[in-house]
Amino acid sequence: MDRGKITAQVKTPAAENPGMEELYQSYKGYAFSIAYRMLGVIADAEDAVQDMFAELQHRDRSGIQNIKAYVAKGVTNRCLNMLNSARSRRETYIGEWLPEPVSEGYDGPEAAAERKDNLSYAFLVLLERLSPTERAVFVLREAFEYDYEAIAGMVGKSGSNCRQIFSRAKRILQTEPASRLPSLRYGAVTENLLVRFTAAFTSYDVGGMLELLGEHPVLVADGGGREVHTILRPMTGRRGVTALLTSKRVMHYLREWKPSCGLLNGEPGLIFTDQGVVKCVLCLSTDSSGERIQSLYLLMDPAKLSHVIVPPGLPQR
C-alpha cells in the first residue's frame, strides 16, 4: 500500500470535510500504538492506520459519539484481519519470526504518542503466543485500559466473554519460564548492562558472559525467513547461550560491525552498523532482579531494520 497516496486521501479533503485533518493529527499516534502492538510490523501498522482514516473521511461522523473508541475499534478490526491472513505465511517462515523494533528517532506516526506508552520488546515477543482475538483483548485491556464492555463492542464479543479471554491470555503469558512478565512500560535494562555485555561479547569473555546471564537464558534470532547466517531455533540454557555468544566461529560477523547503545521500544538495546548501515539489532530483557539477562532477541532481517536509526552523539564501541 502506498502510504503517500493514502495520506493524501486523508489530508486532501480536509477543506471540504472540516475537522478531518485535526482528527488525523490528533489520533494517528494513538491508532498506530494499537496497530503496532497488534501486528508487530511498522509498515503493516501504518497501513492499518491509513486505511482506517481513509474510510473515516468518507463517512458521516455526526453520529459518532466517541471518536477515540471508534478509532480504536476501526484499527483493531483491520489488525485482526491482517493477523488472520498472516498466520499461513508465518507457518512457512524459515526460523523464528520476531516483531520489528521501533527505535528512538524514527519519525513515524507513533512519534506523536507518549513515550511512556512504549511497549517493551520482550513483551511484544510474548504477545505472539496469543491468538489474534486474545491479543486484541489483552492489548486493549492491559495497555489501553478499556473496560470489558467497550472491548466487547470492538471485537464483537460479549463483555463476560472478553473477561474470560483476557484471563486466558494472561495465563498463557504467565506460563513463561521467567518469574515475571516483562514490563509494559520502560524496562530495567540499563546502558551499563549493555556496556558490560558488549565488553564480554567482543572479547569472547566466557566468565564475564556467565556473570551477566540469568539462570535460564534464551537467545532467539530472526534472519528474515531465509537461510542466512544465524541460528534457526532458540538457544536455551546458560551453557548453550554462553557458548554461542563467545564462539569465534558462530556469529563472528557481529564483531566486525560497530555496536551502539540506542533506545529500542523505549529500552536500551544494541544497534550494529557497518559504514553507517544498520546490519542487526539486539534487544534484551532481564530477570526479576534486573541485573541478569534473561532473553536476547537478535534481528538481522533487513526489512525489519529499515526504520532503525543510530542515535547521534552516542559513542560507538
Protein backbone atom coordinates (compact mmCIF):
# COMPACT_ATOMS: atom_id res chain seq x y z
CA MET A 1 0.00 0.00 0.00
CA ASP A 2 1.34 3.43 -0.98
CA ARG A 3 1.41 5.45 2.25
CA GLY A 4 1.84 8.71 0.34
CA LYS A 5 -1.37 8.18 -1.64
CA ILE A 6 -3.33 7.11 1.40
CA THR A 7 -2.10 10.09 3.41
CA ALA A 8 -3.06 12.35 0.55
CA GLN A 9 -6.52 10.80 0.54
CA VAL A 10 -6.85 11.62 4.22
CA LYS A 11 -5.46 15.15 4.03
CA THR A 12 -6.74 16.47 0.72
CA PRO A 13 -10.48 16.55 1.56
CA ALA A 14 -9.82 18.41 4.82
CA ALA A 15 -11.08 21.71 3.42
CA GLU A 16 -14.29 20.09 2.18
CA ASN A 17 -14.69 17.97 5.29
CA PRO A 18 -13.87 20.24 8.25
CA GLY A 19 -12.20 18.51 11.17
CA MET A 20 -10.72 15.54 9.29
CA GLU A 21 -7.17 16.90 9.30
CA GLU A 22 -7.47 17.69 13.01
CA LEU A 23 -8.77 14.19 13.75
CA TYR A 24 -5.95 12.64 11.78
CA GLN A 25 -3.26 14.63 13.57
CA SER A 26 -4.88 14.02 16.97
CA TYR A 27 -5.40 10.26 16.71
CA LYS A 28 -2.87 8.87 14.23
CA GLY A 29 -0.32 8.26 17.01
CA TYR A 30 -2.93 6.59 19.20
CA ALA A 31 -4.14 4.40 16.33
CA PHE A 32 -0.57 3.41 15.48
CA SER A 33 0.11 2.48 19.12
CA ILE A 34 -2.73 -0.05 18.97
CA ALA A 35 -1.84 -1.32 15.49
CA TYR A 36 1.85 -1.82 16.27
CA ARG A 37 1.08 -3.75 19.44
CA MET A 38 -1.31 -5.91 17.46
CA LEU A 39 0.86 -6.55 14.40
CA GLY A 40 4.50 -6.08 15.42
CA VAL A 41 5.35 -4.73 11.95
CA ILE A 42 5.66 -0.99 11.37
CA ALA A 43 4.62 -0.93 7.70
CA ASP A 44 1.56 -3.11 8.38
CA ALA A 45 0.60 -0.94 11.35
CA GLU A 46 0.90 2.20 9.24
CA ASP A 47 -1.23 0.61 6.51
CA ALA A 48 -3.94 -0.31 9.03
CA VAL A 49 -3.98 3.25 10.38
CA GLN A 50 -4.08 4.89 6.94
CA ASP A 51 -6.81 2.54 5.73
CA MET A 52 -8.92 3.28 8.80
CA PHE A 53 -8.63 7.06 8.34
CA ALA A 54 -9.28 6.78 4.61
CA GLU A 55 -12.59 5.06 5.44
CA LEU A 56 -13.39 7.55 8.19
CA GLN A 57 -13.10 10.59 5.92
CA HIS A 58 -15.83 9.28 3.61
CA ARG A 59 -18.45 8.54 6.26
CA ASP A 60 -20.86 10.72 8.16
CA ARG A 61 -19.18 11.33 11.51
CA SER A 62 -22.09 13.21 13.10
CA GLY A 63 -23.37 10.01 14.70
CA ILE A 64 -20.05 9.00 16.27
CA GLN A 65 -20.33 9.75 19.98
CA ASN A 66 -16.81 8.66 21.00
CA ILE A 67 -14.30 9.22 18.20
CA LYS A 68 -11.40 7.75 20.19
CA ALA A 69 -13.25 4.47 20.76
CA TYR A 70 -14.32 4.47 17.11
CA VAL A 71 -10.69 4.83 16.02
CA ALA A 72 -9.67 2.01 18.38
CA LYS A 73 -12.38 -0.27 17.03
CA GLY A 74 -11.62 0.53 13.41
CA VAL A 75 -7.90 -0.10 13.64
CA THR A 76 -8.38 -3.20 15.82
CA ASN A 77 -10.71 -4.83 13.29
CA ARG A 78 -8.24 -4.18 10.48
CA CYS A 79 -5.42 -5.65 12.55
CA LEU A 80 -7.45 -8.78 13.32
CA ASN A 81 -7.98 -9.33 9.60
CA MET A 82 -4.28 -8.83 8.90
CA LEU A 83 -3.22 -11.20 11.69
CA ASN A 84 -5.53 -13.93 10.46
CA SER A 85 -4.17 -13.65 6.92
CA ALA A 86 -0.56 -13.58 8.16
CA ARG A 87 -0.82 -16.89 10.02
CA SER A 88 -0.33 -19.07 6.94
CA ARG A 89 2.72 -17.07 5.85
CA ARG A 90 4.38 -17.36 9.26
CA GLU A 91 3.82 -21.12 9.34
CA THR A 92 6.23 -21.48 6.40
CA TYR A 93 8.73 -18.94 7.76
CA ILE A 94 12.26 -20.36 7.98
CA GLY A 95 13.49 -20.00 11.55
CA GLU A 96 11.93 -17.83 14.23
CA TRP A 97 9.69 -14.84 13.42
CA LEU A 98 10.30 -11.80 15.63
CA PRO A 99 8.43 -8.48 15.62
CA GLU A 100 10.00 -5.34 14.24
CA PRO A 101 11.56 -2.94 16.77
CA VAL A 102 10.93 0.80 16.90
CA SER A 103 13.96 2.94 17.60
CA GLU A 104 14.26 6.38 19.13
CA GLY A 105 14.39 8.96 16.38
CA TYR A 106 12.08 7.15 13.97
CA ASP A 107 9.78 9.89 12.73
CA GLY A 108 6.68 7.76 12.20
CA PRO A 109 3.09 8.04 13.43
CA GLU A 110 3.98 6.92 16.92
CA ALA A 111 6.22 9.97 17.36
CA ALA A 112 3.08 11.80 18.43
CA ALA A 113 2.33 9.22 21.13
CA GLU A 114 3.59 9.50 24.68
CA ARG A 115 6.97 7.82 25.16
CA LYS A 116 5.75 6.29 28.40
CA ASP A 117 3.36 4.19 26.32
CA ASN A 118 6.22 2.34 24.64
CA LEU A 119 5.84 -1.41 24.82
CA SER A 120 8.95 -3.35 25.82
CA TYR A 121 10.26 -5.54 23.03
CA ALA A 122 10.25 -8.66 25.22
CA PHE A 123 6.54 -8.18 25.90
CA LEU A 124 5.87 -7.68 22.20
CA VAL A 125 7.52 -11.05 21.57
CA LEU A 126 5.35 -12.71 24.22
CA LEU A 127 2.20 -11.37 22.58
CA GLU A 128 2.99 -13.58 19.57
CA ARG A 129 1.90 -16.54 21.71
CA LEU A 130 -1.69 -15.30 21.71
CA SER A 131 -4.38 -15.81 19.10
CA PRO A 132 -5.46 -12.64 17.24
CA THR A 133 -8.57 -12.21 19.41
CA GLU A 134 -6.67 -12.90 22.64
CA ARG A 135 -4.08 -10.39 21.58
CA ALA A 136 -6.67 -7.72 20.79
CA VAL A 137 -8.48 -8.15 24.10
CA PHE A 138 -5.25 -8.23 26.10
CA VAL A 139 -3.76 -5.16 24.41
CA LEU A 140 -6.94 -3.10 24.70
CA ARG A 141 -7.40 -4.03 28.35
CA GLU A 142 -3.80 -4.08 29.66
CA ALA A 143 -2.14 -1.35 27.60
CA PHE A 144 -5.08 0.98 26.93
CA GLU A 145 -7.26 0.21 29.98
CA TYR A 146 -10.58 -0.16 28.17
CA ASP A 147 -13.34 -1.82 30.20
CA TYR A 148 -14.69 -5.17 29.04
CA GLU A 149 -17.93 -3.76 27.67
CA ALA A 150 -16.02 -1.29 25.48
CA ILE A 151 -13.72 -4.06 24.27
CA ALA A 152 -16.74 -6.24 23.53
CA GLY A 153 -18.02 -3.66 21.07
CA MET A 154 -14.63 -3.54 19.35
CA VAL A 155 -14.06 -7.27 18.87
CA GLY A 156 -17.65 -8.50 18.52
CA LYS A 157 -17.79 -10.49 21.76
CA SER A 158 -19.78 -10.15 24.97
CA GLY A 159 -18.31 -8.37 27.96
CA SER A 160 -18.16 -11.58 30.02
CA ASN A 161 -16.53 -13.39 27.11
CA CYS A 162 -13.88 -10.67 26.85
CA ARG A 163 -13.20 -11.03 30.57
CA GLN A 164 -12.62 -14.77 30.08
CA ILE A 165 -10.44 -14.18 27.02
CA PHE A 166 -8.30 -11.71 28.97
CA SER A 167 -7.87 -14.16 31.85
CA ARG A 168 -6.92 -16.92 29.42
CA ALA A 169 -4.41 -14.68 27.65
CA LYS A 170 -2.82 -13.70 30.95
CA ARG A 171 -2.50 -17.36 31.96
CA ILE A 172 -0.80 -18.15 28.65
CA LEU A 173 1.74 -15.35 29.15
CA GLN A 174 2.37 -16.33 32.76
CA THR A 175 3.46 -19.84 31.74
CA GLU A 176 6.78 -18.33 30.63
CA PRO A 177 9.87 -19.70 32.43
CA ALA A 178 10.72 -16.19 33.65
CA SER A 179 9.40 -15.42 37.10
CA ARG A 180 7.57 -12.32 35.87
CA LEU A 181 6.14 -10.76 32.75
CA PRO A 182 8.32 -8.12 31.11
CA SER A 183 7.12 -4.62 31.84
CA LEU A 184 4.60 -2.94 29.56
CA ARG A 185 6.42 0.29 30.27
CA TYR A 186 10.07 1.34 30.42
CA GLY A 187 12.11 -1.67 31.45
CA ALA A 188 15.04 -2.49 33.70
CA VAL A 189 17.71 -2.88 31.01
CA THR A 190 20.38 -0.24 31.58
CA GLU A 191 23.10 1.18 29.38
CA ASN A 192 25.66 -0.01 31.93
CA LEU A 193 24.42 -3.58 31.48
CA LEU A 194 24.79 -3.20 27.71
CA VAL A 195 28.32 -1.86 28.08
CA ARG A 196 29.31 -4.85 30.20
CA PHE A 197 27.62 -7.23 27.76
CA THR A 198 29.38 -5.64 24.77
CA ALA A 199 32.76 -5.92 26.52
CA ALA A 200 32.23 -9.62 27.27
CA PHE A 201 30.88 -10.31 23.79
CA THR A 202 33.63 -8.58 21.83
CA SER A 203 36.41 -10.13 23.93
CA TYR A 204 34.99 -13.70 23.95
CA ASP A 205 34.93 -13.48 27.76
CA VAL A 206 33.21 -16.66 28.98
CA GLY A 207 33.41 -15.72 32.66
CA GLY A 208 32.12 -12.23 32.06
CA MET A 209 29.22 -13.54 30.00
CA LEU A 210 28.26 -16.07 32.67
CA GLU A 211 28.13 -13.27 35.23
CA LEU A 212 25.63 -11.40 33.05
CA LEU A 213 23.27 -14.23 32.09
CA GLY A 214 20.34 -15.33 34.23
CA GLU A 215 19.59 -18.88 35.33
CA HIS A 216 17.59 -19.84 32.23
CA PRO A 217 18.55 -17.50 29.39
CA VAL A 218 17.20 -17.83 25.86
CA LEU A 219 18.59 -16.42 22.60
CA VAL A 220 16.27 -16.06 19.60
CA ALA A 221 17.38 -14.87 16.16
CA ASP A 222 15.37 -13.76 13.12
CA GLY A 223 17.15 -13.80 9.78
CA GLY A 224 14.15 -12.83 7.69
CA GLY A 225 12.78 -16.29 6.88
CA ARG A 226 15.73 -17.21 4.69
CA GLU A 227 18.77 -19.44 5.03
CA VAL A 228 21.01 -16.70 6.41
CA HIS A 229 23.93 -16.99 8.78
CA THR A 230 22.02 -17.06 12.03
CA ILE A 231 20.56 -19.68 14.35
CA LEU A 232 17.24 -21.13 13.18
CA ARG A 233 15.98 -22.33 16.57
CA PRO A 234 16.08 -20.69 20.01
CA MET A 235 19.12 -21.49 22.12
CA THR A 236 18.31 -22.02 25.79
CA GLY A 237 20.34 -22.54 28.95
CA ARG A 238 23.42 -20.82 30.35
CA ARG A 239 25.91 -23.24 28.80
CA GLY A 240 24.45 -23.14 25.30
CA VAL A 241 23.83 -19.39 25.19
CA THR A 242 27.28 -18.62 26.61
CA ALA A 243 28.95 -20.94 24.13
CA LEU A 244 27.10 -19.30 21.26
CA LEU A 245 27.88 -15.74 22.36
CA THR A 246 31.58 -16.43 22.96
CA SER A 247 32.22 -18.67 19.95
CA LYS A 248 34.84 -17.45 17.48
CA ARG A 249 33.06 -19.20 14.62
CA VAL A 250 29.36 -18.56 15.21
CA MET A 251 28.08 -15.01 14.64
CA HIS A 252 31.66 -13.78 14.22
CA TYR A 253 30.39 -11.19 11.73
CA LEU A 254 28.72 -9.26 14.54
CA ARG A 255 32.16 -8.40 15.89
CA GLU A 256 33.10 -6.90 12.53
CA TRP A 257 30.30 -4.33 12.93
CA LYS A 258 30.17 -1.35 15.28
CA PRO A 259 27.77 -1.67 18.25
CA SER A 260 25.99 1.42 19.58
CA CYS A 261 23.61 1.77 22.50
CA GLY A 262 20.21 3.13 21.47
CA LEU A 263 16.59 3.05 22.57
CA LEU A 264 14.57 0.21 21.06
CA ASN A 265 10.92 0.17 22.09
CA GLY A 266 11.78 2.60 24.85
CA GLU A 267 14.55 0.45 26.33
CA PRO A 268 18.33 0.45 25.80
CA GLY A 269 19.45 -2.05 23.15
CA LEU A 270 22.38 -2.62 20.80
CA ILE A 271 22.41 -1.43 17.20
CA PHE A 272 25.16 -2.89 14.98
CA THR A 273 26.22 -0.88 11.93
CA ASP A 274 28.64 -1.27 9.04
CA GLN A 275 29.70 2.02 7.42
CA GLY A 276 26.58 3.67 8.78
CA VAL A 277 24.20 0.93 7.62
CA VAL A 278 22.20 -0.89 10.31
CA LYS A 279 23.03 -4.60 9.99
CA CYS A 280 21.30 -6.01 13.07
CA VAL A 281 19.88 -5.10 16.46
CA LEU A 282 19.95 -6.92 19.78
CA CYS A 283 17.07 -6.39 22.22
CA LEU A 284 17.42 -7.69 25.78
CA SER A 285 15.24 -8.34 28.79
CA THR A 286 16.34 -9.04 32.34
CA ASP A 287 15.25 -11.45 35.05
CA SER A 288 13.32 -10.29 38.11
CA SER A 289 16.48 -8.89 39.71
CA GLY A 290 17.05 -6.51 36.82
CA GLU A 291 20.74 -7.42 36.96
CA ARG A 292 20.89 -10.57 34.83
CA ILE A 293 19.98 -11.01 31.17
CA GLN A 294 17.07 -13.39 30.65
CA SER A 295 16.24 -13.06 26.93
CA LEU A 296 18.22 -11.94 23.89
CA TYR A 297 16.48 -11.16 20.58
CA LEU A 298 18.73 -10.78 17.56
CA LEU A 299 17.19 -9.31 14.40
CA MET A 300 19.08 -9.46 11.10
CA ASP A 301 16.24 -9.20 8.59
CA PRO A 302 16.97 -6.04 6.53
CA ALA A 303 13.23 -5.49 6.06
CA LYS A 304 12.78 -5.21 9.83
CA LEU A 305 15.72 -2.84 10.27
CA SER A 306 14.74 -0.15 7.77
CA HIS A 307 13.17 2.04 10.48
CA VAL A 308 16.01 1.65 12.99
CA ILE A 309 18.08 4.79 13.43
CA VAL A 310 21.50 5.03 15.05
CA PRO A 311 21.15 7.80 17.66
CA PRO A 312 23.54 10.73 17.11
CA GLY A 313 26.02 11.57 19.81
CA LEU A 314 26.26 8.10 21.36
CA PRO A 315 29.77 6.65 21.22
CA GLN A 316 30.23 3.52 19.15
CA ARG A 317 32.26 0.86 20.91
